[in-house]
Amino acid sequence: MLDTSREPVPAAPDAAGPVDMPAEDTRGCLFALSQPPLMIFLAVIGCLLLTAAVHDLFVL
């Protein structure tokens, strides 16, 4: 699996006083949707829905 961890960046030596660290970096929805297990799961669910729709249209 691809290592996407980020090492903390050391503070600049000329920084005066404590610096507020930004909140945890959120990757967002597009990063979550790009994960292969989620894409496989969504593809399976989509195929099941498509199969049910085709069955309803042509068999029943």
PDB file of N, CA and C in Angstrom:
ATOM      1  N   MET A   1       0.854  -1.167   0.000  1.00  0.00           N
ATOM      2  CA  MET A   1       0.000   0.000   0.000  1.00  0.00           C
ATOM      3  C   MET A   1       0.900   1.229   0.000  1.00  0.00           C
ATOM      4  N   LEU A   2       0.437   2.268  -0.644  1.00  0.00           N
ATOM      5  CA  LEU A   2       1.199   3.499  -0.750  1.00  0.00           C
ATOM      6  C   LEU A   2       1.278   4.200   0.597  1.00  0.00           C
ATOM      7  N   ASP A   3       2.494   4.577   0.984  1.00  0.00           N
ATOM      8  CA  ASP A   3       2.683   5.274   2.259  1.00  0.00           C
ATOM      9  C   ASP A   3       2.414   6.756   2.047  1.00  0.00           C
ATOM     10  N   THR A   4       1.324   7.254   2.632  1.00  0.00           N
ATOM     11  CA  THR A   4       0.956   8.656   2.464  1.00  0.00           C
ATOM     12  C   THR A   4       1.154   9.469   3.742  1.00  0.00           C
ATOM     13  N   SER A   5       1.891   8.896   4.703  1.00  0.00           N
ATOM     14  CA  SER A   5       2.089   9.617   5.950  1.00  0.00           C
ATOM     15  C   SER A   5       3.043  10.787   5.719  1.00  0.00           C
ATOM     16  N   ARG A   6       2.859  11.806   6.519  1.00  0.00           N
ATOM     17  CA  ARG A   6       3.714  12.991   6.414  1.00  0.00           C
ATOM     18  C   ARG A   6       4.470  13.154   7.723  1.00  0.00           C
ATOM     19  N   GLU A   7       5.760  13.357   7.587  1.00  0.00           N
ATOM     20  CA  GLU A   7       6.564  13.599   8.783  1.00  0.00           C
ATOM     21  C   GLU A   7       6.392  15.054   9.206  1.00  0.00           C
ATOM     22  N   PRO A   8       6.429  15.311  10.505  1.00  0.00           N
ATOM     23  CA  PRO A   8       6.275  16.706  10.944  1.00  0.00           C
ATOM     24  C   PRO A   8       7.444  17.561  10.457  1.00  0.00           C
ATOM     25  N   VAL A   9       7.104  18.767  10.042  1.00  0.00           N
ATOM     26  CA  VAL A   9       8.120  19.695   9.552  1.00  0.00           C
ATOM     27  C   VAL A   9       8.714  20.423  10.749  1.00  0.00           C
ATOM     28  N   PRO A  10      10.050  20.440  10.880  1.00  0.00           N
ATOM     29  CA  PRO A  10      10.645  21.147  12.019  1.00  0.00           C
ATOM     30  C   PRO A  10      10.396  22.653  11.912  1.00  0.00           C
ATOM     31  N   ALA A  11      10.261  23.287  13.055  1.00  0.00           N
ATOM     32  CA  ALA A  11      10.007  24.726  13.094  1.00  0.00           C
ATOM     33  C   ALA A  11      11.250  25.488  12.638  1.00  0.00           C
ATOM     34  N   ALA A  12      11.012  26.637  12.026  1.00  0.00           N
ATOM     35  CA  ALA A  12      12.127  27.473  11.583  1.00  0.00           C
ATOM     36  C   ALA A  12      12.867  28.016  12.796  1.00  0.00           C
ATOM     37  N   PRO A  13      14.192  28.119  12.730  1.00  0.00           N
ATOM     38  CA  PRO A  13      14.953  28.589  13.897  1.00  0.00           C
ATOM     39  C   PRO A  13      14.665  30.040  14.272  1.00  0.00           C
ATOM     40  N   ASP A  14      14.159  30.851  13.339  1.00  0.00           N
ATOM     41  CA  ASP A  14      13.901  32.255  13.647  1.00  0.00           C
ATOM     42  C   ASP A  14      12.471  32.495  14.122  1.00  0.00           C
ATOM     43  N   ALA A  15      11.698  31.443  14.302  1.00  0.00           N
ATOM     44  CA  ALA A  15      10.315  31.602  14.770  1.00  0.00           C
ATOM     45  C   ALA A  15      10.330  32.008  16.243  1.00  0.00           C
ATOM     46  N   ALA A  16       9.570  33.045  16.554  1.00  0.00           N
ATOM     47  CA  ALA A  16       9.535  33.533  17.923  1.00  0.00           C
ATOM     48  C   ALA A  16       8.265  33.063  18.611  1.00  0.00           C
ATOM     49  N   GLY A  17       8.392  32.394  19.724  1.00  0.00           N
ATOM     50  CA  GLY A  17       7.241  31.970  20.506  1.00  0.00           C
ATOM     51  C   GLY A  17       6.592  30.714  19.941  1.00  0.00           C
ATOM     52  N   PRO A  18       5.610  30.211  20.684  1.00  0.00           N
ATOM     53  CA  PRO A  18       4.913  29.004  20.211  1.00  0.00           C
ATOM     54  C   PRO A  18       4.024  29.315  19.007  1.00  0.00           C
ATOM     55  N   VAL A  19       3.970  28.383  18.103  1.00  0.00           N
ATOM     56  CA  VAL A  19       3.172  28.558  16.891  1.00  0.00           C
ATOM     57  C   VAL A  19       2.018  27.569  16.959  1.00  0.00           C
ATOM     58  N   ASP A  20       0.815  28.060  16.675  1.00  0.00           N
ATOM     59  CA  ASP A  20      -0.343  27.162  16.658  1.00  0.00           C
ATOM     60  C   ASP A  20      -0.210  26.207  15.484  1.00  0.00           C
ATOM     61  N   MET A  21      -0.305  24.918  15.786  1.00  0.00           N
ATOM     62  CA  MET A  21      -0.232  23.911  14.740  1.00  0.00           C
ATOM     63  C   MET A  21      -1.590  23.823  14.056  1.00  0.00           C
ATOM     64  N   PRO A  22      -1.623  23.675  12.729  1.00  0.00           N
ATOM     65  CA  PRO A  22      -2.910  23.536  12.052  1.00  0.00           C
ATOM     66  C   PRO A  22      -3.576  22.221  12.432  1.00  0.00           C
ATOM     67  N   ALA A  23      -4.872  22.174  12.246  1.00  0.00           N
ATOM     68  CA  ALA A  23      -5.622  20.954  12.558  1.00  0.00           C
ATOM     69  C   ALA A  23      -5.127  19.821  11.674  1.00  0.00           C
ATOM     70  N   GLU A  24      -5.485  18.622  12.057  1.00  0.00           N
ATOM     71  CA  GLU A  24      -5.097  17.437  11.286  1.00  0.00           C
ATOM     72  C   GLU A  24      -5.512  17.611   9.822  1.00  0.00           C
ATOM     73  N   ASP A  25      -4.602  17.305   8.925  1.00  0.00           N
ATOM     74  CA  ASP A  25      -4.862  17.476   7.501  1.00  0.00           C
ATOM     75  C   ASP A  25      -5.935  16.486   7.057  1.00  0.00           C
ATOM     76  N   THR A  26      -7.077  17.011   6.658  1.00  0.00           N
ATOM     77  CA  THR A  26      -8.147  16.141   6.189  1.00  0.00           C
ATOM     78  C   THR A  26      -8.012  15.984   4.686  1.00  0.00           C
ATOM     79  N   ARG A  27      -8.129  14.761   4.236  1.00  0.00           N
ATOM     80  CA  ARG A  27      -7.921  14.492   2.821  1.00  0.00           C
ATOM     81  C   ARG A  27      -9.184  14.687   2.006  1.00  0.00           C
ATOM     82  N   GLY A  28     -10.346  14.531   2.604  1.00  0.00           N
ATOM     83  CA  GLY A  28     -11.583  14.823   1.908  1.00  0.00           C
ATOM     84  C   GLY A  28     -12.205  13.625   1.224  1.00  0.00           C
ATOM     85  N   CYS A  29     -13.296  13.903   0.578  1.00  0.00           N
ATOM     86  CA  CYS A  29     -14.125  12.849  -0.013  1.00  0.00           C
ATOM     87  C   CYS A  29     -13.467  12.212  -1.231  1.00  0.00           C
ATOM     88  N   LEU A  30     -12.791  12.992  -2.052  1.00  0.00           N
ATOM     89  CA  LEU A  30     -12.193  12.423  -3.252  1.00  0.00           C
ATOM     90  C   LEU A  30     -11.103  11.422  -2.919  1.00  0.00           C
ATOM     91  N   PHE A  31     -10.353  11.662  -1.839  1.00  0.00           N
ATOM     92  CA  PHE A  31      -9.341  10.687  -1.436  1.00  0.00           C
ATOM     93  C   PHE A  31     -10.005   9.400  -0.979  1.00  0.00           C
ATOM     94  N   ALA A  32     -11.105   9.513  -0.240  1.00  0.00           N
ATOM     95  CA  ALA A  32     -11.809   8.318   0.238  1.00  0.00           C
ATOM     96  C   ALA A  32     -12.392   7.528  -0.924  1.00  0.00           C
ATOM     97  N   LEU A  33     -12.919   8.205  -1.920  1.00  0.00           N
ATOM     98  CA  LEU A  33     -13.512   7.514  -3.058  1.00  0.00           C
ATOM     99  C   LEU A  33     -12.467   6.879  -3.960  1.00  0.00           C
ATOM    100  N   SER A  34     -11.215   7.296  -3.849  1.00  0.00           N
ATOM    101  CA  SER A  34     -10.181   6.741  -4.719  1.00  0.00           C
ATOM    102  C   SER A  34      -9.576   5.454  -4.169  1.00  0.00           C
ATOM    103  N   GLN A  35     -10.023   5.003  -3.015  1.00  0.00           N
ATOM    104  CA  GLN A  35      -9.467   3.791  -2.419  1.00  0.00           C
ATOM    105  C   GLN A  35     -10.052   2.552  -3.104  1.00  0.00           C
ATOM    106  N   PRO A  36      -9.216   1.601  -3.524  1.00  0.00           N
ATOM    107  CA  PRO A  36      -9.703   0.428  -4.266  1.00  0.00           C
ATOM    108  C   PRO A  36     -10.767  -0.394  -3.539  1.00  0.00           C
ATOM    109  N   PRO A  37     -10.643  -0.699  -2.227  1.00  0.00           N
ATOM    110  CA  PRO A  37     -11.708  -1.499  -1.609  1.00  0.00           C
ATOM    111  C   PRO A  37     -13.065  -0.813  -1.649  1.00  0.00           C
ATOM    112  N   LEU A  38     -13.099   0.489  -1.463  1.00  0.00           N
ATOM    113  CA  LEU A  38     -14.368   1.212  -1.530  1.00  0.00           C
ATOM    114  C   LEU A  38     -14.923   1.194  -2.947  1.00  0.00           C
ATOM    115  N   MET A  39     -14.055   1.349  -3.938  1.00  0.00           N
ATOM    116  CA  MET A  39     -14.514   1.334  -5.325  1.00  0.00           C
ATOM    117  C   MET A  39     -15.053  -0.031  -5.700  1.00  0.00           C
ATOM    118  N   ILE A  40     -14.439  -1.108  -5.222  1.00  0.00           N
ATOM    119  CA  ILE A  40     -14.940  -2.458  -5.493  1.00  0.00           C
ATOM    120  C   ILE A  40     -16.301  -2.638  -4.838  1.00  0.00           C
ATOM    121  N   PHE A  41     -16.428  -2.196  -3.596  1.00  0.00           N
ATOM    122  CA  PHE A  41     -17.712  -2.301  -2.891  1.00  0.00           C
ATOM    123  C   PHE A  41     -18.801  -1.534  -3.629  1.00  0.00           C
ATOM    124  N   LEU A  42     -18.502  -0.303  -4.034  1.00  0.00           N
ATOM    125  CA  LEU A  42     -19.503   0.495  -4.745  1.00  0.00           C
ATOM    126  C   LEU A  42     -19.841  -0.114  -6.101  1.00  0.00           C
ATOM    127  N   ALA A  43     -18.879  -0.722  -6.770  1.00  0.00           N
ATOM    128  CA  ALA A  43     -19.147  -1.380  -8.047  1.00  0.00           C
ATOM    129  C   ALA A  43     -20.067  -2.581  -7.858  1.00  0.00           C
ATOM    130  N   VAL A  44     -19.847  -3.355  -6.798  1.00  0.00           N
ATOM    131  CA  VAL A  44     -20.708  -4.511  -6.526  1.00  0.00           C
ATOM    132  C   VAL A  44     -22.137  -4.052  -6.226  1.00  0.00           C
ATOM    133  N   ILE A  45     -22.277  -3.024  -5.401  1.00  0.00           N
ATOM    134  CA  ILE A  45     -23.607  -2.500  -5.085  1.00  0.00           C
ATOM    135  C   ILE A  45     -24.283  -1.968  -6.348  1.00  0.00           C
ATOM    136  N   GLY A  46     -23.529  -1.270  -7.190  1.00  0.00           N
ATOM    137  CA  GLY A  46     -24.077  -0.764  -8.443  1.00  0.00           C
ATOM    138  C   GLY A  46     -24.533  -1.884  -9.364  1.00  0.00           C
ATOM    139  N   CYS A  47     -23.754  -2.961  -9.440  1.00  0.00           N
ATOM    140  CA  CYS A  47     -24.146  -4.102 -10.275  1.00  0.00           C
ATOM    141  C   CYS A  47     -25.401  -4.771  -9.741  1.00  0.00           C
ATOM    142  N   LEU A  48     -25.514  -4.876  -8.420  1.00  0.00           N
ATOM    143  CA  LEU A  48     -26.725  -5.454  -7.840  1.00  0.00           C
ATOM    144  C   LEU A  48     -27.952  -4.602  -8.150  1.00  0.00           C
ATOM    145  N   LEU A  49     -27.812  -3.291  -8.043  1.00  0.00           N
ATOM    146  CA  LEU A  49     -28.928  -2.396  -8.369  1.00  0.00           C
ATOM    147  C   LEU A  49     -29.286  -2.486  -9.850  1.00  0.00           C
ATOM    148  N   LEU A  50     -28.275  -2.552 -10.711  1.00  0.00           N
ATOM    149  CA  LEU A  50     -28.522  -2.673 -12.143  1.00  0.00           C
ATOM    150  C   LEU A  50     -29.211  -3.993 -12.461  1.00  0.00           C
ATOM    151  N   THR A  51     -28.769  -5.070 -11.840  1.00  0.00           N
ATOM    152  CA  THR A  51     -29.389  -6.371 -12.056  1.00  0.00           C
ATOM    153  C   THR A  51     -30.846  -6.362 -11.606  1.00  0.00           C
ATOM    154  N   ALA A  52     -31.125  -5.753 -10.466  1.00  0.00           N
ATOM    155  CA  ALA A  52     -32.503  -5.673  -9.980  1.00  0.00           C
ATOM    156  C   ALA A  52     -33.360  -4.837 -10.925  1.00  0.00           C
ATOM    157  N   ALA A  53     -32.826  -3.755 -11.445  1.00  0.00           N
ATOM    158  CA  ALA A  53     -33.583  -2.905 -12.361  1.00  0.00           C
ATOM    159  C   ALA A  53     -33.884  -3.635 -13.664  1.00  0.00           C
ATOM    160  N   VAL A  54     -32.890  -4.325 -14.207  1.00  0.00           N
ATOM    161  CA  VAL A  54     -33.099  -5.077 -15.449  1.00  0.00           C
ATOM    162  C   VAL A  54     -34.112  -6.194 -15.216  1.00  0.00           C
ATOM    163  N   HIS A  55     -34.031  -6.853 -14.084  1.00  0.00           N
ATOM    164  CA  HIS A  55     -34.991  -7.918 -13.756  1.00  0.00           C
ATOM    165  C   HIS A  55     -36.410  -7.354 -13.688  1.00  0.00           C
ATOM    166  N   ASP A  56     -36.563  -6.200 -13.047  1.00  0.00           N
ATOM    167  CA  ASP A  56     -37.891  -5.587 -12.933  1.00  0.00           C
ATOM    168  C   ASP A  56     -38.432  -5.167 -14.297  1.00  0.00           C
ATOM    169  N   LEU A  57     -37.559  -4.679 -15.165  1.00  0.00           N
ATOM    170  CA  LEU A  57     -38.020  -4.185 -16.453  1.00  0.00           C
ATOM    171  C   LEU A  57     -38.357  -5.298 -17.436  1.00  0.00           C
ATOM    172  N   PHE A  58     -37.547  -6.328 -17.488  1.00  0.00           N
ATOM    173  CA  PHE A  58     -37.677  -7.316 -18.547  1.00  0.00           C
ATOM    174  C   PHE A  58     -38.251  -8.655 -18.114  1.00  0.00           C
ATOM    175  N   VAL A  59     -38.169  -9.005 -16.853  1.00  0.00           N
ATOM    176  CA  VAL A  59     -38.636 -10.324 -16.408  1.00  0.00           C
ATOM    177  C   VAL A  59     -40.028 -10.222 -15.815  1.00  0.00           C
ATOM    178  N   LEU A  60     -40.260  -9.230 -14.990  1.00  0.00           N
ATOM    179  CA  LEU A  60     -41.573  -9.137 -14.339  1.00  0.00           C
ATOM    180  C   LEU A  60     -42.622  -8.564 -15.260  1.00  0.00           C
TER     181      LEU A  60
END
